[in-house]
Amino acid sequence: YYKPDLFIIDLNLKLKKKLLLNKILKKRKTYLITKKSNDKKTIFYKK
């Protein structure tokens, strides 16, 4: 179950909050690529 790190293109931060990969974020580095205008929305995803 090797897990390469993950990059997700999500310019408008529409990634669902209840996903299987959200449960394993501590086991692999996962990056969200988003627009600078979304700075306020990023707080939830950072947490």
ModelCIF file with pLDDT and N, C-alpha, C, O atoms, coordinates in Angstrom:
data_MODEL
#
_entry.id   MODEL 
#
_entity.id                         1 
_entity.type                       polymer 
_entity.pdbx_number_of_molecules   1 
#
_entity_poly.entity_id                      1 
_entity_poly.type                           'polypeptide(L)' 
_entity_poly.nstd_linkage                   no 
_entity_poly.nstd_monomer                   no 
_entity_poly.pdbx_seq_one_letter_code       YYKPDLFIIDLNLKLKKKLLLNKILKKRKTYLITKKSNDKKTIFYKK 
_entity_poly.pdbx_seq_one_letter_code_can   YYKPDLFIIDLNLKLKKKLLLNKILKKRKTYLITKKSNDKKTIFYKK 
_entity_poly.pdbx_strand_id                 A 
#
loop_
_entity_poly_seq.entity_id 
_entity_poly_seq.num 
_entity_poly_seq.mon_id 
_entity_poly_seq.hetero 
1 1  TYR n 
1 2  TYR n 
1 3  LYS n 
1 4  PRO n 
1 5  ASP n 
1 6  LEU n 
1 7  PHE n 
1 8  ILE n 
1 9  ILE n 
1 10 ASP n 
1 11 LEU n 
1 12 ASN n 
1 13 LEU n 
1 14 LYS n 
1 15 LEU n 
1 16 LYS n 
1 17 LYS n 
1 18 LYS n 
1 19 LEU n 
1 20 LEU n 
1 21 LEU n 
1 22 ASN n 
1 23 LYS n 
1 24 ILE n 
1 25 LEU n 
1 26 LYS n 
1 27 LYS n 
1 28 ARG n 
1 29 LYS n 
1 30 THR n 
1 31 TYR n 
1 32 LEU n 
1 33 ILE n 
1 34 THR n 
1 35 LYS n 
1 36 LYS n 
1 37 SER n 
1 38 ASN n 
1 39 ASP n 
1 40 LYS n 
1 41 LYS n 
1 42 THR n 
1 43 ILE n 
1 44 PHE n 
1 45 TYR n 
1 46 LYS n 
1 47 LYS n 
#
_struct_asym.id          A 
_struct_asym.entity_id   1 
#
loop_
_ma_qa_metric.id 
_ma_qa_metric.mode 
_ma_qa_metric.name 
_ma_qa_metric.software_group_id 
_ma_qa_metric.type 
1 global pLDDT . pLDDT 
2 local  pLDDT . pLDDT 
#
_ma_qa_metric_global.metric_id      1 
_ma_qa_metric_global.metric_value   90.98 
_ma_qa_metric_global.model_id       1 
_ma_qa_metric_global.ordinal_id     1 
#
loop_
_ma_qa_metric_local.label_asym_id 
_ma_qa_metric_local.label_comp_id 
_ma_qa_metric_local.label_seq_id 
_ma_qa_metric_local.metric_id 
_ma_qa_metric_local.metric_value 
_ma_qa_metric_local.model_id 
_ma_qa_metric_local.ordinal_id 
A TYR 1  2 66.00 1 1  
A TYR 2  2 79.00 1 2  
A LYS 3  2 87.00 1 3  
A PRO 4  2 94.00 1 4  
A ASP 5  2 96.00 1 5  
A LEU 6  2 97.00 1 6  
A PHE 7  2 98.00 1 7  
A ILE 8  2 98.00 1 8  
A ILE 9  2 98.00 1 9  
A ASP 10 2 97.00 1 10 
A LEU 11 2 95.00 1 11 
A ASN 12 2 93.00 1 12 
A LEU 13 2 94.00 1 13 
A LYS 14 2 94.00 1 14 
A LEU 15 2 95.00 1 15 
A LYS 16 2 94.00 1 16 
A LYS 17 2 87.00 1 17 
A LYS 18 2 90.00 1 18 
A LEU 19 2 94.00 1 19 
A LEU 20 2 92.00 1 20 
A LEU 21 2 91.00 1 21 
A ASN 22 2 91.00 1 22 
A LYS 23 2 88.00 1 23 
A ILE 24 2 86.00 1 24 
A LEU 25 2 89.00 1 25 
A LYS 26 2 85.00 1 26 
A LYS 27 2 86.00 1 27 
A ARG 28 2 91.00 1 28 
A LYS 29 2 95.00 1 29 
A THR 30 2 97.00 1 30 
A TYR 31 2 97.00 1 31 
A LEU 32 2 97.00 1 32 
A ILE 33 2 97.00 1 33 
A THR 34 2 96.00 1 34 
A LYS 35 2 93.00 1 35 
A LYS 36 2 86.00 1 36 
A SER 37 2 86.00 1 37 
A ASN 38 2 85.00 1 38 
A ASP 39 2 83.00 1 39 
A LYS 40 2 84.00 1 40 
A LYS 41 2 86.00 1 41 
A THR 42 2 91.00 1 42 
A ILE 43 2 91.00 1 43 
A PHE 44 2 90.00 1 44 
A TYR 45 2 93.00 1 45 
A LYS 46 2 93.00 1 46 
A LYS 47 2 91.00 1 47 
#
loop_
_atom_site.group_PDB 
_atom_site.id 
_atom_site.type_symbol 
_atom_site.label_atom_id 
_atom_site.label_alt_id 
_atom_site.label_comp_id 
_atom_site.label_asym_id 
_atom_site.label_entity_id 
_atom_site.label_seq_id 
_atom_site.pdbx_PDB_ins_code 
_atom_site.Cartn_x 
_atom_site.Cartn_y 
_atom_site.Cartn_z 
_atom_site.occupancy 
_atom_site.B_iso_or_equiv 
_atom_site.pdbx_formal_charge 
_atom_site.auth_seq_id 
_atom_site.auth_comp_id 
_atom_site.auth_asym_id 
_atom_site.auth_atom_id 
_atom_site.pdbx_PDB_model_num 
ATOM 1   N N  . TYR A 1 1  ? 0.826   -1.219 0.000  1.00 66.00 ? 1  TYR A N  1 
ATOM 2   C CA . TYR A 1 1  ? 0.000   0.000  0.000  1.00 66.00 ? 1  TYR A CA 1 
ATOM 3   C C  . TYR A 1 1  ? 0.860   1.269  0.000  1.00 66.00 ? 1  TYR A C  1 
ATOM 4   O O  . TYR A 1 1  ? 0.550   2.239  0.691  1.00 66.00 ? 1  TYR A O  1 
ATOM 5   N N  . TYR A 1 2  ? 1.938   1.249  -0.779 1.00 79.00 ? 2  TYR A N  1 
ATOM 6   C CA . TYR A 1 2  ? 2.800   2.415  -0.932 1.00 79.00 ? 2  TYR A CA 1 
ATOM 7   C C  . TYR A 1 2  ? 1.957   3.613  -1.361 1.00 79.00 ? 2  TYR A C  1 
ATOM 8   O O  . TYR A 1 2  ? 1.130   3.508  -2.266 1.00 79.00 ? 2  TYR A O  1 
ATOM 9   N N  . LYS A 1 3  ? 2.171   4.731  -0.714 1.00 87.00 ? 3  LYS A N  1 
ATOM 10  C CA . LYS A 1 3  ? 1.383   5.929  -0.987 1.00 87.00 ? 3  LYS A CA 1 
ATOM 11  C C  . LYS A 1 3  ? 2.293   7.058  -1.471 1.00 87.00 ? 3  LYS A C  1 
ATOM 12  O O  . LYS A 1 3  ? 2.852   7.783  -0.648 1.00 87.00 ? 3  LYS A O  1 
ATOM 13  N N  . PRO A 1 4  ? 2.452   7.223  -2.778 1.00 94.00 ? 4  PRO A N  1 
ATOM 14  C CA . PRO A 1 4  ? 3.188   8.402  -3.254 1.00 94.00 ? 4  PRO A CA 1 
ATOM 15  C C  . PRO A 1 4  ? 2.487   9.659  -2.742 1.00 94.00 ? 4  PRO A C  1 
ATOM 16  O O  . PRO A 1 4  ? 1.264   9.674  -2.602 1.00 94.00 ? 4  PRO A O  1 
ATOM 17  N N  . ASP A 1 5  ? 3.249   10.704 -2.464 1.00 96.00 ? 5  ASP A N  1 
ATOM 18  C CA . ASP A 1 5  ? 2.638   11.947 -2.022 1.00 96.00 ? 5  ASP A CA 1 
ATOM 19  C C  . ASP A 1 5  ? 1.681   12.461 -3.101 1.00 96.00 ? 5  ASP A C  1 
ATOM 20  O O  . ASP A 1 5  ? 1.798   12.105 -4.274 1.00 96.00 ? 5  ASP A O  1 
ATOM 21  N N  . LEU A 1 6  ? 0.738   13.300 -2.684 1.00 97.00 ? 6  LEU A N  1 
ATOM 22  C CA . LEU A 1 6  ? -0.379  13.653 -3.557 1.00 97.00 ? 6  LEU A CA 1 
ATOM 23  C C  . LEU A 1 6  ? -0.489  15.160 -3.748 1.00 97.00 ? 6  LEU A C  1 
ATOM 24  O O  . LEU A 1 6  ? -0.418  15.930 -2.791 1.00 97.00 ? 6  LEU A O  1 
ATOM 25  N N  . PHE A 1 7  ? -0.662  15.566 -5.010 1.00 98.00 ? 7  PHE A N  1 
ATOM 26  C CA . PHE A 1 7  ? -0.934  16.963 -5.361 1.00 98.00 ? 7  PHE A CA 1 
ATOM 27  C C  . PHE A 1 7  ? -2.327  17.044 -5.976 1.00 98.00 ? 7  PHE A C  1 
ATOM 28  O O  . PHE A 1 7  ? -2.630  16.330 -6.932 1.00 98.00 ? 7  PHE A O  1 
ATOM 29  N N  . ILE A 1 8  ? -3.173  17.913 -5.430 1.00 98.00 ? 8  ILE A N  1 
ATOM 30  C CA . ILE A 1 8  ? -4.544  18.039 -5.909 1.00 98.00 ? 8  ILE A CA 1 
ATOM 31  C C  . ILE A 1 8  ? -4.759  19.453 -6.444 1.00 98.00 ? 8  ILE A C  1 
ATOM 32  O O  . ILE A 1 8  ? -4.610  20.432 -5.712 1.00 98.00 ? 8  ILE A O  1 
ATOM 33  N N  . ILE A 1 9  ? -5.111  19.551 -7.731 1.00 98.00 ? 9  ILE A N  1 
ATOM 34  C CA . ILE A 1 9  ? -5.452  20.835 -8.327 1.00 98.00 ? 9  ILE A CA 1 
ATOM 35  C C  . ILE A 1 9  ? -6.874  21.190 -7.884 1.00 98.00 ? 9  ILE A C  1 
ATOM 36  O O  . ILE A 1 9  ? -7.832  20.501 -8.235 1.00 98.00 ? 9  ILE A O  1 
ATOM 37  N N  . ASP A 1 10 ? -6.998  22.266 -7.115 1.00 97.00 ? 10 ASP A N  1 
ATOM 38  C CA . ASP A 1 10 ? -8.309  22.659 -6.561 1.00 97.00 ? 10 ASP A CA 1 
ATOM 39  C C  . ASP A 1 10 ? -8.341  24.189 -6.459 1.00 97.00 ? 10 ASP A C  1 
ATOM 40  O O  . ASP A 1 10 ? -8.339  24.749 -5.363 1.00 97.00 ? 10 ASP A O  1 
ATOM 41  N N  . LEU A 1 11 ? -8.370  24.844 -7.605 1.00 95.00 ? 11 LEU A N  1 
ATOM 42  C CA . LEU A 1 11 ? -8.218  26.299 -7.648 1.00 95.00 ? 11 LEU A CA 1 
ATOM 43  C C  . LEU A 1 11 ? -9.299  27.028 -6.854 1.00 95.00 ? 11 LEU A C  1 
ATOM 44  O O  . LEU A 1 11 ? -9.044  28.098 -6.302 1.00 95.00 ? 11 LEU A O  1 
ATOM 45  N N  . ASN A 1 12 ? -10.496 26.465 -6.793 1.00 93.00 ? 12 ASN A N  1 
ATOM 46  C CA . ASN A 1 12 ? -11.599 27.123 -6.086 1.00 93.00 ? 12 ASN A CA 1 
ATOM 47  C C  . ASN A 1 12 ? -11.979 26.433 -4.779 1.00 93.00 ? 12 ASN A C  1 
ATOM 48  O O  . ASN A 1 12 ? -13.036 26.707 -4.210 1.00 93.00 ? 12 ASN A O  1 
ATOM 49  N N  . LEU A 1 13 ? -11.114 25.538 -4.306 1.00 94.00 ? 13 LEU A N  1 
ATOM 50  C CA . LEU A 1 13 ? -11.306 24.797 -3.050 1.00 94.00 ? 13 LEU A CA 1 
ATOM 51  C C  . LEU A 1 13 ? -12.703 24.179 -2.950 1.00 94.00 ? 13 LEU A C  1 
ATOM 52  O O  . LEU A 1 13 ? -13.511 24.533 -2.092 1.00 94.00 ? 13 LEU A O  1 
ATOM 53  N N  . LYS A 1 14 ? -12.947 23.235 -3.872 1.00 94.00 ? 14 LYS A N  1 
ATOM 54  C CA . LYS A 1 14 ? -14.220 22.516 -3.881 1.00 94.00 ? 14 LYS A CA 1 
ATOM 55  C C  . LYS A 1 14 ? -14.064 21.061 -3.434 1.00 94.00 ? 14 LYS A C  1 
ATOM 56  O O  . LYS A 1 14 ? -14.991 20.265 -3.582 1.00 94.00 ? 14 LYS A O  1 
ATOM 57  N N  . LEU A 1 15 ? -12.895 20.714 -2.890 1.00 95.00 ? 15 LEU A N  1 
ATOM 58  C CA . LEU A 1 15 ? -12.679 19.347 -2.425 1.00 95.00 ? 15 LEU A CA 1 
ATOM 59  C C  . LEU A 1 15 ? -13.644 19.042 -1.283 1.00 95.00 ? 15 LEU A C  1 
ATOM 60  O O  . LEU A 1 15 ? -13.788 19.827 -0.346 1.00 95.00 ? 15 LEU A O  1 
ATOM 61  N N  . LYS A 1 16 ? -14.301 17.887 -1.381 1.00 94.00 ? 16 LYS A N  1 
ATOM 62  C CA . LYS A 1 16 ? -15.278 17.514 -0.357 1.00 94.00 ? 16 LYS A CA 1 
ATOM 63  C C  . LYS A 1 16 ? -14.605 17.318 1.001  1.00 94.00 ? 16 LYS A C  1 
ATOM 64  O O  . LYS A 1 16 ? -13.444 16.916 1.077  1.00 94.00 ? 16 LYS A O  1 
ATOM 65  N N  . LYS A 1 17 ? -15.340 17.603 2.056  1.00 87.00 ? 17 LYS A N  1 
ATOM 66  C CA . LYS A 1 17 ? -14.793 17.499 3.412  1.00 87.00 ? 17 LYS A CA 1 
ATOM 67  C C  . LYS A 1 17 ? -14.793 16.061 3.924  1.00 87.00 ? 17 LYS A C  1 
ATOM 68  O O  . LYS A 1 17 ? -14.002 15.719 4.803  1.00 87.00 ? 17 LYS A O  1 
ATOM 69  N N  . LYS A 1 18 ? -15.673 15.215 3.385  1.00 90.00 ? 18 LYS A N  1 
ATOM 70  C CA . LYS A 1 18 ? -15.750 13.826 3.823  1.00 90.00 ? 18 LYS A CA 1 
ATOM 71  C C  . LYS A 1 18 ? -15.265 12.911 2.700  1.00 90.00 ? 18 LYS A C  1 
ATOM 72  O O  . LYS A 1 18 ? -16.044 12.464 1.859  1.00 90.00 ? 18 LYS A O  1 
ATOM 73  N N  . LEU A 1 19 ? -13.962 12.647 2.710  1.00 94.00 ? 19 LEU A N  1 
ATOM 74  C CA . LEU A 1 19 ? -13.334 11.784 1.721  1.00 94.00 ? 19 LEU A CA 1 
ATOM 75  C C  . LEU A 1 19 ? -12.464 10.747 2.423  1.00 94.00 ? 19 LEU A C  1 
ATOM 76  O O  . LEU A 1 19 ? -11.987 10.982 3.533  1.00 94.00 ? 19 LEU A O  1 
ATOM 77  N N  . LEU A 1 20 ? -12.260 9.612  1.786  1.00 92.00 ? 20 LEU A N  1 
ATOM 78  C CA . LEU A 1 20 ? -11.415 8.570  2.370  1.00 92.00 ? 20 LEU A CA 1 
ATOM 79  C C  . LEU A 1 20 ? -9.995  9.063  2.594  1.00 92.00 ? 20 LEU A C  1 
ATOM 80  O O  . LEU A 1 20 ? -9.375  8.727  3.603  1.00 92.00 ? 20 LEU A O  1 
ATOM 81  N N  . LEU A 1 21 ? -9.474  9.854  1.666  1.00 91.00 ? 21 LEU A N  1 
ATOM 82  C CA . LEU A 1 21 ? -8.075  10.288 1.814  1.00 91.00 ? 21 LEU A CA 1 
ATOM 83  C C  . LEU A 1 21 ? -7.894  11.268 2.968  1.00 91.00 ? 21 LEU A C  1 
ATOM 84  O O  . LEU A 1 21 ? -6.777  11.438 3.457  1.00 91.00 ? 21 LEU A O  1 
ATOM 85  N N  . ASN A 1 22 ? -8.972  11.918 3.412  1.00 91.00 ? 22 ASN A N  1 
ATOM 86  C CA . ASN A 1 22 ? -8.852  12.814 4.570  1.00 91.00 ? 22 ASN A CA 1 
ATOM 87  C C  . ASN A 1 22 ? -8.475  12.052 5.842  1.00 91.00 ? 22 ASN A C  1 
ATOM 88  O O  . ASN A 1 22 ? -7.956  12.632 6.796  1.00 91.00 ? 22 ASN A O  1 
ATOM 89  N N  . LYS A 1 23 ? -8.745  10.736 5.840  1.00 88.00 ? 23 LYS A N  1 
ATOM 90  C CA . LYS A 1 23 ? -8.457  9.923  7.033  1.00 88.00 ? 23 LYS A CA 1 
ATOM 91  C C  . LYS A 1 23 ? -6.996  9.484  7.107  1.00 88.00 ? 23 LYS A C  1 
ATOM 92  O O  . LYS A 1 23 ? -6.553  8.982  8.140  1.00 88.00 ? 23 LYS A O  1 
ATOM 93  N N  . ILE A 1 24 ? -6.249  9.669  6.022  1.00 86.00 ? 24 ILE A N  1 
ATOM 94  C CA . ILE A 1 24 ? -4.853  9.206  6.017  1.00 86.00 ? 24 ILE A CA 1 
ATOM 95  C C  . ILE A 1 24 ? -3.873  10.351 5.758  1.00 86.00 ? 24 ILE A C  1 
ATOM 96  O O  . ILE A 1 24 ? -2.738  10.113 5.345  1.00 86.00 ? 24 ILE A O  1 
ATOM 97  N N  . LEU A 1 25 ? -4.304  11.584 5.998  1.00 89.00 ? 25 LEU A N  1 
ATOM 98  C CA . LEU A 1 25 ? -3.453  12.738 5.716  1.00 89.00 ? 25 LEU A CA 1 
ATOM 99  C C  . LEU A 1 25 ? -2.179  12.733 6.555  1.00 89.00 ? 25 LEU A C  1 
ATOM 100 O O  . LEU A 1 25 ? -1.161  13.289 6.143  1.00 89.00 ? 25 LEU A O  1 
ATOM 101 N N  . LYS A 1 26 ? -2.232  12.105 7.734  1.00 85.00 ? 26 LYS A N  1 
ATOM 102 C CA . LYS A 1 26 ? -1.045  12.056 8.591  1.00 85.00 ? 26 LYS A CA 1 
ATOM 103 C C  . LYS A 1 26 ? -0.020  11.043 8.092  1.00 85.00 ? 26 LYS A C  1 
ATOM 104 O O  . LYS A 1 26 ? 1.127   11.045 8.541  1.00 85.00 ? 26 LYS A O  1 
ATOM 105 N N  . LYS A 1 27 ? -0.429  10.174 7.164  1.00 86.00 ? 27 LYS A N  1 
ATOM 106 C CA . LYS A 1 27 ? 0.449   9.109  6.680  1.00 86.00 ? 27 LYS A CA 1 
ATOM 107 C C  . LYS A 1 27 ? 1.104   9.432  5.330  1.00 86.00 ? 27 LYS A C  1 
ATOM 108 O O  . LYS A 1 27 ? 1.968   8.686  4.869  1.00 86.00 ? 27 LYS A O  1 
ATOM 109 N N  . ARG A 1 28 ? 0.698   10.533 4.699  1.00 91.00 ? 28 ARG A N  1 
ATOM 110 C CA . ARG A 1 28 ? 1.309   10.934 3.434  1.00 91.00 ? 28 ARG A CA 1 
ATOM 111 C C  . ARG A 1 28 ? 1.176   12.443 3.274  1.00 91.00 ? 28 ARG A C  1 
ATOM 112 O O  . ARG A 1 28 ? 0.211   13.038 3.753  1.00 91.00 ? 28 ARG A O  1 
ATOM 113 N N  . LYS A 1 29 ? 2.123   13.049 2.614  1.00 95.00 ? 29 LYS A N  1 
ATOM 114 C CA . LYS A 1 29 ? 2.023   14.477 2.352  1.00 95.00 ? 29 LYS A CA 1 
ATOM 115 C C  . LYS A 1 29 ? 1.019   14.708 1.227  1.00 95.00 ? 29 LYS A C  1 
ATOM 116 O O  . LYS A 1 29 ? 1.113   14.096 0.163  1.00 95.00 ? 29 LYS A O  1 
ATOM 117 N N  . THR A 1 30 ? 0.068   15.589 1.470  1.00 97.00 ? 30 THR A N  1 
ATOM 118 C CA . THR A 1 30 ? -0.951  15.894 0.479  1.00 97.00 ? 30 THR A CA 1 
ATOM 119 C C  . THR A 1 30 ? -1.058  17.406 0.315  1.00 97.00 ? 30 THR A C  1 
ATOM 120 O O  . THR A 1 30 ? -1.288  18.134 1.282  1.00 97.00 ? 30 THR A O  1 
ATOM 121 N N  . TYR A 1 31 ? -0.890  17.863 -0.914 1.00 97.00 ? 31 TYR A N  1 
ATOM 122 C CA . TYR A 1 31 ? -0.863  19.293 -1.202 1.00 97.00 ? 31 TYR A CA 1 
ATOM 123 C C  . TYR A 1 31 ? -2.130  19.693 -1.960 1.00 97.00 ? 31 TYR A C  1 
ATOM 124 O O  . TYR A 1 31 ? -2.579  18.979 -2.856 1.00 97.00 ? 31 TYR A O  1 
ATOM 125 N N  . LEU A 1 32 ? -2.700  20.847 -1.589 1.00 97.00 ? 32 LEU A N  1 
ATOM 126 C CA . LEU A 1 32 ? -3.776  21.455 -2.358 1.00 97.00 ? 32 LEU A CA 1 
ATOM 127 C C  . LEU A 1 32 ? -3.203  22.644 -3.116 1.00 97.00 ? 32 LEU A C  1 
ATOM 128 O O  . LEU A 1 32 ? -2.584  23.533 -2.532 1.00 97.00 ? 32 LEU A O  1 
ATOM 129 N N  . ILE A 1 33 ? -3.418  22.643 -4.415 1.00 97.00 ? 33 ILE A N  1 
ATOM 130 C CA . ILE A 1 33 ? -2.952  23.739 -5.260 1.00 97.00 ? 33 ILE A CA 1 
ATOM 131 C C  . ILE A 1 33 ? -4.142  24.628 -5.557 1.00 97.00 ? 33 ILE A C  1 
ATOM 132 O O  . ILE A 1 33 ? -5.078  24.204 -6.235 1.00 97.00 ? 33 ILE A O  1 
ATOM 133 N N  . THR A 1 34 ? -4.120  25.854 -5.060 1.00 96.00 ? 34 THR A N  1 
ATOM 134 C CA . THR A 1 34 ? -5.283  26.727 -5.152 1.00 96.00 ? 34 THR A CA 1 
ATOM 135 C C  . THR A 1 34 ? -4.879  28.161 -5.443 1.00 96.00 ? 34 THR A C  1 
ATOM 136 O O  . THR A 1 34 ? -3.698  28.507 -5.393 1.00 96.00 ? 34 THR A O  1 
ATOM 137 N N  . LYS A 1 35 ? -5.874  28.997 -5.749 1.00 93.00 ? 35 LYS A N  1 
ATOM 138 C CA . LYS A 1 35 ? -5.610  30.395 -6.075 1.00 93.00 ? 35 LYS A CA 1 
ATOM 139 C C  . LYS A 1 35 ? -5.305  31.203 -4.821 1.00 93.00 ? 35 LYS A C  1 
ATOM 140 O O  . LYS A 1 35 ? -5.781  30.881 -3.733 1.00 93.00 ? 35 LYS A O  1 
ATOM 141 N N  . LYS A 1 36 ? -4.520  32.237 -4.983 1.00 86.00 ? 36 LYS A N  1 
ATOM 142 C CA . LYS A 1 36 ? -4.166  33.095 -3.856 1.00 86.00 ? 36 LYS A CA 1 
ATOM 143 C C  . LYS A 1 36 ? -5.389  33.792 -3.277 1.00 86.00 ? 36 LYS A C  1 
ATOM 144 O O  . LYS A 1 36 ? -5.396  34.157 -2.101 1.00 86.00 ? 36 LYS A O  1 
ATOM 145 N N  . SER A 1 37 ? -6.424  33.980 -4.093 1.00 86.00 ? 37 SER A N  1 
ATOM 146 C CA . SER A 1 37 ? -7.635  34.645 -3.612 1.00 86.00 ? 37 SER A CA 1 
ATOM 147 C C  . SER A 1 37 ? -8.421  33.803 -2.613 1.00 86.00 ? 37 SER A C  1 
ATOM 148 O O  . SER A 1 37 ? -9.365  34.290 -1.990 1.00 86.00 ? 37 SER A O  1 
ATOM 149 N N  . ASN A 1 38 ? -8.027  32.530 -2.461 1.00 85.00 ? 38 ASN A N  1 
ATOM 150 C CA . ASN A 1 38 ? -8.736  31.624 -1.550 1.00 85.00 ? 38 ASN A CA 1 
ATOM 151 C C  . ASN A 1 38 ? -8.095  31.543 -0.174 1.00 85.00 ? 38 ASN A C  1 
ATOM 152 O O  . ASN A 1 38 ? -8.381  30.614 0.581  1.00 85.00 ? 38 ASN A O  1 
ATOM 153 N N  . ASP A 1 39 ? -7.227  32.501 0.171  1.00 83.00 ? 39 ASP A N  1 
ATOM 154 C CA . ASP A 1 39 ? -6.445  32.410 1.404  1.00 83.00 ? 39 ASP A CA 1 
ATOM 155 C C  . ASP A 1 39 ? -7.296  32.115 2.639  1.00 83.00 ? 39 ASP A C  1 
ATOM 156 O O  . ASP A 1 39 ? -6.895  31.310 3.479  1.00 83.00 ? 39 ASP A O  1 
ATOM 157 N N  . LYS A 1 40 ? -8.455  32.749 2.763  1.00 84.00 ? 40 LYS A N  1 
ATOM 158 C CA . LYS A 1 40 ? -9.285  32.552 3.959  1.00 84.00 ? 40 LYS A CA 1 
ATOM 159 C C  . LYS A 1 40 ? -9.846  31.126 4.034  1.00 84.00 ? 40 LYS A C  1 
ATOM 160 O O  . LYS A 1 40 ? -10.007 30.571 5.121  1.00 84.00 ? 40 LYS A O  1 
ATOM 161 N N  . LYS A 1 41 ? -10.139 30.548 2.877  1.00 86.00 ? 41 LYS A N  1 
ATOM 162 C CA . LYS A 1 41 ? -10.707 29.200 2.841  1.00 86.00 ? 41 LYS A CA 1 
ATOM 163 C C  . LYS A 1 41 ? -9.677  28.129 3.195  1.00 86.00 ? 41 LYS A C  1 
ATOM 164 O O  . LYS A 1 41 ? -10.041 27.019 3.582  1.00 86.00 ? 41 LYS A O  1 
ATOM 165 N N  . THR A 1 42 ? -8.399  28.459 3.065  1.00 91.00 ? 42 THR A N  1 
ATOM 166 C CA . THR A 1 42 ? -7.372  27.437 3.268  1.00 91.00 ? 42 THR A CA 1 
ATOM 167 C C  . THR A 1 42 ? -7.220  27.020 4.731  1.00 91.00 ? 42 THR A C  1 
ATOM 168 O O  . THR A 1 42 ? -6.665  25.958 5.013  1.00 91.00 ? 42 THR A O  1 
ATOM 169 N N  . ILE A 1 43 ? -7.699  27.833 5.653  1.00 91.00 ? 43 ILE A N  1 
ATOM 170 C CA . ILE A 1 43 ? -7.526  27.542 7.084  1.00 91.00 ? 43 ILE A CA 1 
ATOM 171 C C  . ILE A 1 43 ? -8.119  26.186 7.445  1.00 91.00 ? 43 ILE A C  1 
ATOM 172 O O  . ILE A 1 43 ? -7.496  25.402 8.160  1.00 91.00 ? 43 ILE A O  1 
ATOM 173 N N  . PHE A 1 44 ? -9.330  25.911 6.949  1.00 90.00 ? 44 PHE A N  1 
ATOM 174 C CA . PHE A 1 44 ? -9.991  24.632 7.249  1.00 90.00 ? 44 PHE A CA 1 
ATOM 175 C C  . PHE A 1 44 ? -9.164  23.455 6.734  1.00 90.00 ? 44 PHE A C  1 
ATOM 176 O O  . PHE A 1 44 ? -8.975  22.464 7.439  1.00 90.00 ? 44 PHE A O  1 
ATOM 177 N N  . TYR A 1 45 ? -8.672  23.572 5.495  1.00 93.00 ? 45 TYR A N  1 
ATOM 178 C CA . TYR A 1 45 ? -7.919  22.472 4.894  1.00 93.00 ? 45 TYR A CA 1 
ATOM 179 C C  . TYR A 1 45 ? -6.567  22.279 5.581  1.00 93.00 ? 45 TYR A C  1 
ATOM 180 O O  . TYR A 1 45 ? -6.092  21.152 5.713  1.00 93.00 ? 45 TYR A O  1 
ATOM 181 N N  . LYS A 1 46 ? -5.957  23.364 6.012  1.00 93.00 ? 46 LYS A N  1 
ATOM 182 C CA . LYS A 1 46 ? -4.708  23.258 6.761  1.00 93.00 ? 46 LYS A CA 1 
ATOM 183 C C  . LYS A 1 46 ? -4.914  22.496 8.062  1.00 93.00 ? 46 LYS A C  1 
ATOM 184 O O  . LYS A 1 46 ? -4.076  21.681 8.449  1.00 93.00 ? 46 LYS A O  1 
ATOM 185 N N  . LYS A 1 47 ? -6.039  22.761 8.741  1.00 91.00 ? 47 LYS A N  1 
ATOM 186 C CA . LYS A 1 47 ? -6.334  22.063 9.994  1.00 91.00 ? 47 LYS A CA 1 
ATOM 187 C C  . LYS A 1 47 ? -6.549  20.579 9.763  1.00 91.00 ? 47 LYS A C  1 
ATOM 188 O O  . LYS A 1 47 ? -6.807  19.839 10.712 1.00 91.00 ? 47 LYS A O  1 
#
